[in-house]
N, C-alpha and C. Protein backbone atom coordinates (compact mmCIF):
# COMPACT_ATOMS: atom_id res chain seq x y z
N MET A 1 25.60 54.11 140.15
CA MET A 1 25.45 55.02 139.05
C MET A 1 25.74 54.32 137.73
N GLU A 2 26.83 53.54 137.70
CA GLU A 2 27.19 52.83 136.47
C GLU A 2 26.16 51.78 136.12
N PHE A 3 25.59 51.12 137.11
CA PHE A 3 24.55 50.13 136.87
C PHE A 3 23.33 50.80 136.25
N ASN A 4 22.96 51.97 136.75
CA ASN A 4 21.82 52.71 136.24
C ASN A 4 22.03 53.09 134.77
N LEU A 5 23.25 53.51 134.42
CA LEU A 5 23.58 53.87 133.05
C LEU A 5 23.46 52.66 132.13
N GLU A 6 23.95 51.52 132.56
CA GLU A 6 23.86 50.30 131.76
C GLU A 6 22.40 49.89 131.55
N LYS A 7 21.59 50.05 132.59
CA LYS A 7 20.17 49.70 132.49
C LYS A 7 19.48 50.63 131.48
N LEU A 8 19.79 51.92 131.53
CA LEU A 8 19.19 52.87 130.59
C LEU A 8 19.59 52.56 129.15
N LYS A 9 20.86 52.19 128.95
CA LYS A 9 21.32 51.81 127.61
C LYS A 9 20.57 50.59 127.10
N GLN A 10 20.37 49.62 127.97
CA GLN A 10 19.66 48.41 127.60
C GLN A 10 18.20 48.72 127.26
N ASP A 11 17.58 49.58 128.07
CA ASP A 11 16.18 49.98 127.81
C ASP A 11 16.05 50.70 126.47
N ARG A 12 17.01 51.53 126.16
CA ARG A 12 16.99 52.26 124.89
C ARG A 12 17.10 51.31 123.70
N LYS A 13 17.91 50.28 123.83
CA LYS A 13 18.06 49.30 122.73
C LYS A 13 16.76 48.55 122.48
N GLU A 14 15.95 48.39 123.51
CA GLU A 14 14.70 47.63 123.37
C GLU A 14 13.56 48.45 122.77
N VAL A 15 13.74 49.75 122.72
CA VAL A 15 12.71 50.62 122.13
C VAL A 15 12.80 50.52 120.60
N ALA A 16 11.66 50.34 119.97
CA ALA A 16 11.62 50.21 118.51
C ALA A 16 12.04 51.53 117.87
N LYS A 17 12.86 51.41 116.82
CA LYS A 17 13.33 52.61 116.13
C LYS A 17 12.28 53.16 115.17
N HIS A 18 11.44 52.30 114.63
CA HIS A 18 10.39 52.70 113.70
C HIS A 18 9.07 52.11 114.17
N ILE A 19 8.02 52.89 114.03
CA ILE A 19 6.68 52.38 114.32
C ILE A 19 5.75 52.80 113.20
N CYS A 20 4.68 52.09 113.05
CA CYS A 20 3.67 52.42 112.04
C CYS A 20 2.77 53.53 112.58
N VAL A 21 2.23 54.30 111.67
CA VAL A 21 1.33 55.38 112.06
C VAL A 21 0.13 54.81 112.82
N SER A 22 -0.31 53.64 112.42
CA SER A 22 -1.47 53.02 113.08
C SER A 22 -1.18 52.68 114.53
N GLU A 23 0.09 52.57 114.91
CA GLU A 23 0.46 52.26 116.29
C GLU A 23 0.48 53.49 117.18
N LEU A 24 0.45 54.68 116.57
CA LEU A 24 0.44 55.92 117.36
C LEU A 24 -0.92 56.12 118.02
N PRO A 25 -0.93 56.75 119.19
CA PRO A 25 -2.22 57.11 119.78
C PRO A 25 -2.95 58.09 118.85
N GLU A 26 -4.26 58.08 118.86
CA GLU A 26 -5.07 58.89 117.94
C GLU A 26 -4.70 60.37 118.01
N GLU A 27 -4.46 60.91 119.20
CA GLU A 27 -4.16 62.34 119.34
C GLU A 27 -2.77 62.71 118.83
N GLU A 28 -1.88 61.76 118.58
CA GLU A 28 -0.54 62.04 118.09
C GLU A 28 -0.34 61.68 116.62
N ARG A 29 -1.38 61.22 115.96
CA ARG A 29 -1.26 60.85 114.55
C ARG A 29 -1.16 62.10 113.68
N PHE A 30 -0.49 61.94 112.54
CA PHE A 30 -0.35 63.03 111.60
C PHE A 30 -1.68 63.30 110.93
N ARG A 31 -1.92 64.56 110.67
CA ARG A 31 -3.16 64.93 110.00
C ARG A 31 -2.83 65.46 108.60
N ARG A 32 -3.55 64.98 107.64
CA ARG A 32 -3.38 65.45 106.27
C ARG A 32 -4.33 66.61 106.01
N LEU A 33 -3.98 67.42 105.03
CA LEU A 33 -4.91 68.45 104.61
C LEU A 33 -6.13 67.78 104.01
N SER A 34 -7.28 68.37 104.24
CA SER A 34 -8.46 67.80 103.61
C SER A 34 -8.32 67.98 102.09
N VAL A 35 -9.05 67.20 101.36
CA VAL A 35 -8.97 67.26 99.90
C VAL A 35 -9.35 68.66 99.42
N HIS A 36 -10.35 69.27 100.06
CA HIS A 36 -10.79 70.61 99.65
C HIS A 36 -9.69 71.63 99.90
N SER A 37 -9.00 71.55 101.04
CA SER A 37 -7.92 72.49 101.33
C SER A 37 -6.79 72.33 100.33
N LYS A 38 -6.47 71.09 99.99
CA LYS A 38 -5.39 70.85 99.03
C LYS A 38 -5.75 71.42 97.67
N HIS A 39 -6.98 71.23 97.23
CA HIS A 39 -7.41 71.78 95.94
C HIS A 39 -7.35 73.31 95.95
N PHE A 40 -7.76 73.91 97.07
CA PHE A 40 -7.74 75.37 97.18
C PHE A 40 -6.31 75.89 97.10
N ILE A 41 -5.39 75.28 97.84
CA ILE A 41 -3.99 75.70 97.82
C ILE A 41 -3.37 75.48 96.44
N ASP A 42 -3.68 74.35 95.81
CA ASP A 42 -3.17 74.09 94.46
C ASP A 42 -3.71 75.12 93.46
N THR A 43 -4.95 75.54 93.63
CA THR A 43 -5.53 76.55 92.74
C THR A 43 -4.81 77.88 92.91
N ILE A 44 -4.52 78.27 94.15
CA ILE A 44 -3.79 79.51 94.39
C ILE A 44 -2.40 79.44 93.76
N LYS A 45 -1.71 78.31 93.92
CA LYS A 45 -0.38 78.14 93.32
C LYS A 45 -0.46 78.25 91.80
N MET A 46 -1.49 77.66 91.20
CA MET A 46 -1.65 77.69 89.74
C MET A 46 -1.91 79.11 89.26
N ILE A 47 -2.74 79.86 89.98
CA ILE A 47 -3.02 81.25 89.60
C ILE A 47 -1.75 82.08 89.70
N ALA A 48 -0.98 81.89 90.78
CA ALA A 48 0.27 82.64 90.95
C ALA A 48 1.25 82.32 89.84
N TYR A 49 1.38 81.04 89.47
CA TYR A 49 2.31 80.65 88.42
C TYR A 49 1.89 81.24 87.07
N ARG A 50 0.59 81.17 86.78
CA ARG A 50 0.11 81.72 85.51
C ARG A 50 0.27 83.23 85.45
N SER A 51 0.08 83.90 86.58
CA SER A 51 0.27 85.36 86.62
C SER A 51 1.73 85.71 86.38
N GLU A 52 2.62 84.96 87.02
CA GLU A 52 4.05 85.21 86.83
C GLU A 52 4.46 84.94 85.38
N THR A 53 3.92 83.89 84.79
CA THR A 53 4.23 83.58 83.40
C THR A 53 3.72 84.67 82.47
N ALA A 54 2.54 85.21 82.74
CA ALA A 54 2.00 86.29 81.91
C ALA A 54 2.90 87.53 82.01
N MET A 55 3.36 87.85 83.23
CA MET A 55 4.25 89.00 83.39
C MET A 55 5.59 88.73 82.71
N ALA A 56 6.07 87.50 82.77
CA ALA A 56 7.33 87.15 82.10
C ALA A 56 7.20 87.34 80.60
N ASN A 57 6.06 86.95 80.05
CA ASN A 57 5.84 87.13 78.61
C ASN A 57 5.82 88.60 78.21
N ILE A 58 5.28 89.44 79.07
CA ILE A 58 5.29 90.89 78.81
C ILE A 58 6.72 91.41 78.84
N LEU A 59 7.49 90.98 79.83
CA LEU A 59 8.88 91.44 79.95
C LEU A 59 9.75 90.96 78.79
N ARG A 60 9.41 89.80 78.21
CA ARG A 60 10.19 89.27 77.09
C ARG A 60 10.14 90.18 75.87
N GLU A 61 9.16 91.06 75.83
CA GLU A 61 9.08 92.02 74.73
C GLU A 61 10.22 93.03 74.82
N LYS A 62 10.79 93.21 76.00
CA LYS A 62 11.87 94.17 76.20
C LYS A 62 13.20 93.51 76.55
N ILE A 63 13.15 92.31 77.12
CA ILE A 63 14.37 91.60 77.52
C ILE A 63 14.45 90.34 76.67
N PHE A 64 15.56 90.15 76.02
CA PHE A 64 15.65 89.07 75.04
C PHE A 64 16.30 87.80 75.56
N ARG A 65 16.97 87.88 76.70
CA ARG A 65 17.57 86.67 77.28
C ARG A 65 16.60 86.08 78.29
N PRO A 66 16.08 84.88 78.01
CA PRO A 66 15.02 84.29 78.86
C PRO A 66 15.42 84.12 80.33
N GLN A 67 16.69 83.81 80.59
CA GLN A 67 17.11 83.59 81.97
C GLN A 67 17.04 84.87 82.80
N GLU A 68 17.11 86.03 82.13
CA GLU A 68 17.07 87.30 82.85
C GLU A 68 15.64 87.71 83.23
N VAL A 69 14.66 87.19 82.51
CA VAL A 69 13.27 87.60 82.75
C VAL A 69 12.81 87.16 84.13
N ARG A 70 13.00 85.89 84.47
CA ARG A 70 12.55 85.39 85.79
C ARG A 70 13.35 86.05 86.91
N SER A 71 14.64 86.28 86.70
CA SER A 71 15.42 86.93 87.75
C SER A 71 14.99 88.39 87.94
N LEU A 72 14.57 89.06 86.85
CA LEU A 72 14.05 90.41 86.97
C LEU A 72 12.74 90.41 87.75
N LEU A 73 11.89 89.43 87.47
CA LEU A 73 10.64 89.32 88.24
C LEU A 73 10.93 89.12 89.72
N LYS A 74 11.91 88.27 90.04
CA LYS A 74 12.28 88.06 91.45
C LYS A 74 12.76 89.37 92.07
N ALA A 75 13.54 90.14 91.33
CA ALA A 75 14.02 91.42 91.84
C ALA A 75 12.85 92.37 92.08
N ILE A 76 11.87 92.35 91.20
CA ILE A 76 10.68 93.20 91.38
C ILE A 76 9.94 92.78 92.65
N TYR A 77 9.77 91.47 92.83
CA TYR A 77 9.04 90.97 94.00
C TYR A 77 9.74 91.34 95.30
N LYS A 78 11.06 91.38 95.27
CA LYS A 78 11.82 91.67 96.48
C LYS A 78 12.00 93.16 96.75
N SER A 79 11.77 93.98 95.72
CA SER A 79 11.99 95.41 95.90
C SER A 79 10.84 96.05 96.68
N GLU A 80 11.16 97.17 97.27
CA GLU A 80 10.14 97.90 98.03
C GLU A 80 9.29 98.73 97.09
N VAL A 81 8.08 99.04 97.55
CA VAL A 81 7.18 99.91 96.79
C VAL A 81 6.59 100.94 97.74
N ASP A 82 6.15 102.03 97.17
CA ASP A 82 5.40 103.03 97.92
C ASP A 82 3.96 102.96 97.42
N VAL A 83 3.01 102.98 98.35
CA VAL A 83 1.60 102.89 97.99
C VAL A 83 0.90 104.17 98.44
N PHE A 84 0.24 104.81 97.48
CA PHE A 84 -0.43 106.08 97.74
C PHE A 84 -1.90 105.97 97.32
N PRO A 85 -2.81 105.88 98.27
CA PRO A 85 -4.24 105.88 97.89
C PRO A 85 -4.72 107.30 97.62
N ASP A 86 -5.45 107.47 96.54
CA ASP A 86 -6.07 108.76 96.21
C ASP A 86 -7.57 108.50 96.10
N THR A 87 -8.26 108.67 97.23
CA THR A 87 -9.68 108.33 97.27
C THR A 87 -10.54 109.30 96.47
N GLU A 88 -10.06 110.51 96.23
CA GLU A 88 -10.83 111.46 95.43
C GLU A 88 -10.89 111.03 93.96
N LYS A 89 -9.78 110.49 93.46
CA LYS A 89 -9.72 110.03 92.06
C LYS A 89 -9.97 108.53 91.94
N ASN A 90 -10.19 107.85 93.09
CA ASN A 90 -10.38 106.39 93.12
C ASN A 90 -9.22 105.65 92.48
N ILE A 91 -7.99 106.04 92.87
CA ILE A 91 -6.78 105.41 92.34
C ILE A 91 -5.89 104.99 93.51
N LEU A 92 -5.28 103.85 93.37
CA LEU A 92 -4.27 103.39 94.31
C LEU A 92 -2.96 103.32 93.53
N VAL A 93 -2.05 104.26 93.78
CA VAL A 93 -0.79 104.33 93.06
C VAL A 93 0.23 103.43 93.74
N VAL A 94 0.77 102.50 92.99
CA VAL A 94 1.84 101.62 93.47
C VAL A 94 3.11 102.05 92.74
N SER A 95 4.02 102.64 93.49
CA SER A 95 5.25 103.19 92.91
C SER A 95 6.42 102.26 93.22
N LEU A 96 6.93 101.60 92.17
CA LEU A 96 8.06 100.69 92.33
C LEU A 96 9.36 101.48 92.36
N HIS A 97 10.33 101.00 93.10
CA HIS A 97 11.63 101.67 93.14
C HIS A 97 12.45 101.26 91.93
N HIS A 98 13.37 102.14 91.54
CA HIS A 98 14.23 101.85 90.40
C HIS A 98 15.12 100.66 90.69
N LEU A 99 15.45 99.93 89.63
CA LEU A 99 16.29 98.75 89.77
C LEU A 99 17.73 99.08 89.39
N GLY A 100 18.52 98.06 89.10
CA GLY A 100 19.95 98.24 88.93
C GLY A 100 20.43 98.88 87.65
N SER A 101 19.62 98.86 86.59
CA SER A 101 20.10 99.42 85.32
C SER A 101 18.94 100.08 84.56
N LYS A 102 19.31 100.90 83.60
CA LYS A 102 18.29 101.57 82.79
C LYS A 102 17.48 100.57 81.97
N SER A 103 18.13 99.53 81.47
CA SER A 103 17.39 98.55 80.68
C SER A 103 16.36 97.81 81.54
N GLU A 104 16.72 97.52 82.79
CA GLU A 104 15.76 96.89 83.70
C GLU A 104 14.60 97.84 83.99
N ASP A 105 14.95 99.12 84.23
CA ASP A 105 13.91 100.12 84.48
C ASP A 105 12.97 100.26 83.28
N ASP A 106 13.52 100.23 82.08
CA ASP A 106 12.69 100.32 80.87
C ASP A 106 11.73 99.13 80.78
N ALA A 107 12.24 97.94 81.09
CA ALA A 107 11.40 96.74 81.05
C ALA A 107 10.30 96.81 82.12
N VAL A 108 10.66 97.27 83.32
CA VAL A 108 9.67 97.40 84.39
C VAL A 108 8.62 98.45 84.03
N GLN A 109 9.04 99.55 83.43
CA GLN A 109 8.07 100.58 83.00
C GLN A 109 7.11 100.00 81.97
N HIS A 110 7.62 99.19 81.07
CA HIS A 110 6.77 98.53 80.07
C HIS A 110 5.76 97.61 80.76
N LEU A 111 6.21 96.85 81.76
CA LEU A 111 5.32 95.98 82.52
C LEU A 111 4.25 96.81 83.23
N CYS A 112 4.65 97.91 83.85
CA CYS A 112 3.70 98.79 84.53
C CYS A 112 2.63 99.29 83.55
N ASN A 113 3.06 99.72 82.38
CA ASN A 113 2.11 100.22 81.37
C ASN A 113 1.10 99.15 80.97
N GLU A 114 1.58 97.94 80.77
CA GLU A 114 0.69 96.84 80.39
C GLU A 114 -0.27 96.49 81.52
N LEU A 115 0.23 96.47 82.77
CA LEU A 115 -0.64 96.16 83.91
C LEU A 115 -1.70 97.25 84.10
N ASN A 116 -1.33 98.49 83.83
CA ASN A 116 -2.30 99.59 83.96
C ASN A 116 -3.44 99.46 82.96
N LEU A 117 -3.17 98.86 81.81
CA LEU A 117 -4.23 98.68 80.80
C LEU A 117 -5.33 97.74 81.28
N THR A 118 -5.03 96.89 82.28
CA THR A 118 -6.04 95.95 82.78
C THR A 118 -7.08 96.64 83.65
N GLU A 119 -6.78 97.87 84.13
CA GLU A 119 -7.69 98.64 84.97
C GLU A 119 -8.20 97.82 86.16
N THR A 120 -7.28 97.15 86.84
CA THR A 120 -7.61 96.27 87.97
C THR A 120 -8.00 97.09 89.20
N LYS A 121 -9.06 96.66 89.85
CA LYS A 121 -9.49 97.28 91.11
C LYS A 121 -8.85 96.54 92.27
N PHE A 122 -8.41 97.30 93.29
CA PHE A 122 -7.87 96.67 94.48
C PHE A 122 -9.01 95.95 95.20
N PRO A 123 -8.82 94.68 95.57
CA PRO A 123 -9.91 93.89 96.16
C PRO A 123 -10.54 94.59 97.38
N GLY A 124 -11.85 94.58 97.41
CA GLY A 124 -12.59 95.14 98.53
C GLY A 124 -12.75 96.65 98.48
N THR A 125 -12.27 97.28 97.40
CA THR A 125 -12.39 98.74 97.27
C THR A 125 -12.84 99.08 95.85
N ASN A 126 -13.04 100.36 95.61
CA ASN A 126 -13.32 100.81 94.24
C ASN A 126 -12.10 101.53 93.67
N LEU A 127 -10.92 101.32 94.29
CA LEU A 127 -9.69 101.97 93.85
C LEU A 127 -9.05 101.20 92.71
N GLN A 128 -8.79 101.88 91.61
CA GLN A 128 -8.10 101.27 90.47
C GLN A 128 -6.60 101.34 90.73
N ILE A 129 -5.91 100.22 90.54
CA ILE A 129 -4.47 100.17 90.78
C ILE A 129 -3.74 100.79 89.60
N SER A 130 -2.82 101.71 89.91
CA SER A 130 -2.00 102.35 88.89
C SER A 130 -0.53 102.12 89.26
N TYR A 131 0.18 101.39 88.41
CA TYR A 131 1.59 101.08 88.66
C TYR A 131 2.46 102.12 87.98
N LYS A 132 3.52 102.51 88.67
CA LYS A 132 4.49 103.41 88.04
C LYS A 132 5.87 103.10 88.60
N LEU A 133 6.87 103.58 87.91
CA LEU A 133 8.24 103.34 88.33
C LEU A 133 8.79 104.59 89.01
N GLY A 134 8.95 104.50 90.31
CA GLY A 134 9.61 105.51 91.13
C GLY A 134 9.27 106.95 90.81
N PRO A 135 10.12 107.86 91.26
CA PRO A 135 9.90 109.27 90.95
C PRO A 135 10.07 109.48 89.44
N THR A 136 9.58 110.62 88.97
CA THR A 136 9.63 110.89 87.53
C THR A 136 11.05 110.97 87.01
N GLN A 137 12.00 111.31 87.88
CA GLN A 137 13.39 111.39 87.43
C GLN A 137 14.20 110.30 88.11
N ASN A 138 14.91 109.53 87.32
CA ASN A 138 15.74 108.46 87.85
C ASN A 138 16.97 109.07 88.53
N PRO A 139 17.21 108.75 89.82
CA PRO A 139 18.35 109.36 90.52
C PRO A 139 19.70 109.03 89.89
N ARG A 140 19.81 107.94 89.16
CA ARG A 140 21.09 107.59 88.53
C ARG A 140 21.42 108.51 87.36
N GLU A 141 20.40 109.18 86.83
CA GLU A 141 20.62 110.05 85.68
C GLU A 141 20.97 111.48 86.07
N LEU A 142 20.95 111.78 87.36
CA LEU A 142 21.31 113.13 87.81
C LEU A 142 22.79 113.37 87.61
N GLU A 143 23.14 114.57 87.20
CA GLU A 143 24.54 114.90 87.00
C GLU A 143 25.20 115.18 88.35
N ILE A 144 26.44 114.77 88.48
CA ILE A 144 27.19 114.99 89.73
C ILE A 144 28.16 116.13 89.53
């Protein structure tokens, strides 16, 4: 048993720790994204970044500390929404939930108003997206 262990240790020492990709068998070589796939993914990333920047610029009209704008956007992205399609009126209502403070809610309502002005159609449908902030009455403002 001990001889077998020593032999295995010796065999392991003889195995190269690093090899070149060209030394790998063809079926085990790493595959890169094609140039077209990389351009497509980079384009999607660029569109997402520009969209986020545009929304940040809208929020800056209501929030004056720049570090809070991106964190508010992250909070919006992480929050839940309710989606209500109204096929009779051709509207898709996206109702965002209220956030942590009235000032954040005011900024989000401003963003919703600006996004609604774009009259964006939901892809693949004739439904116009309408953004709004939660129920008409903020639950934090209810008297106890």
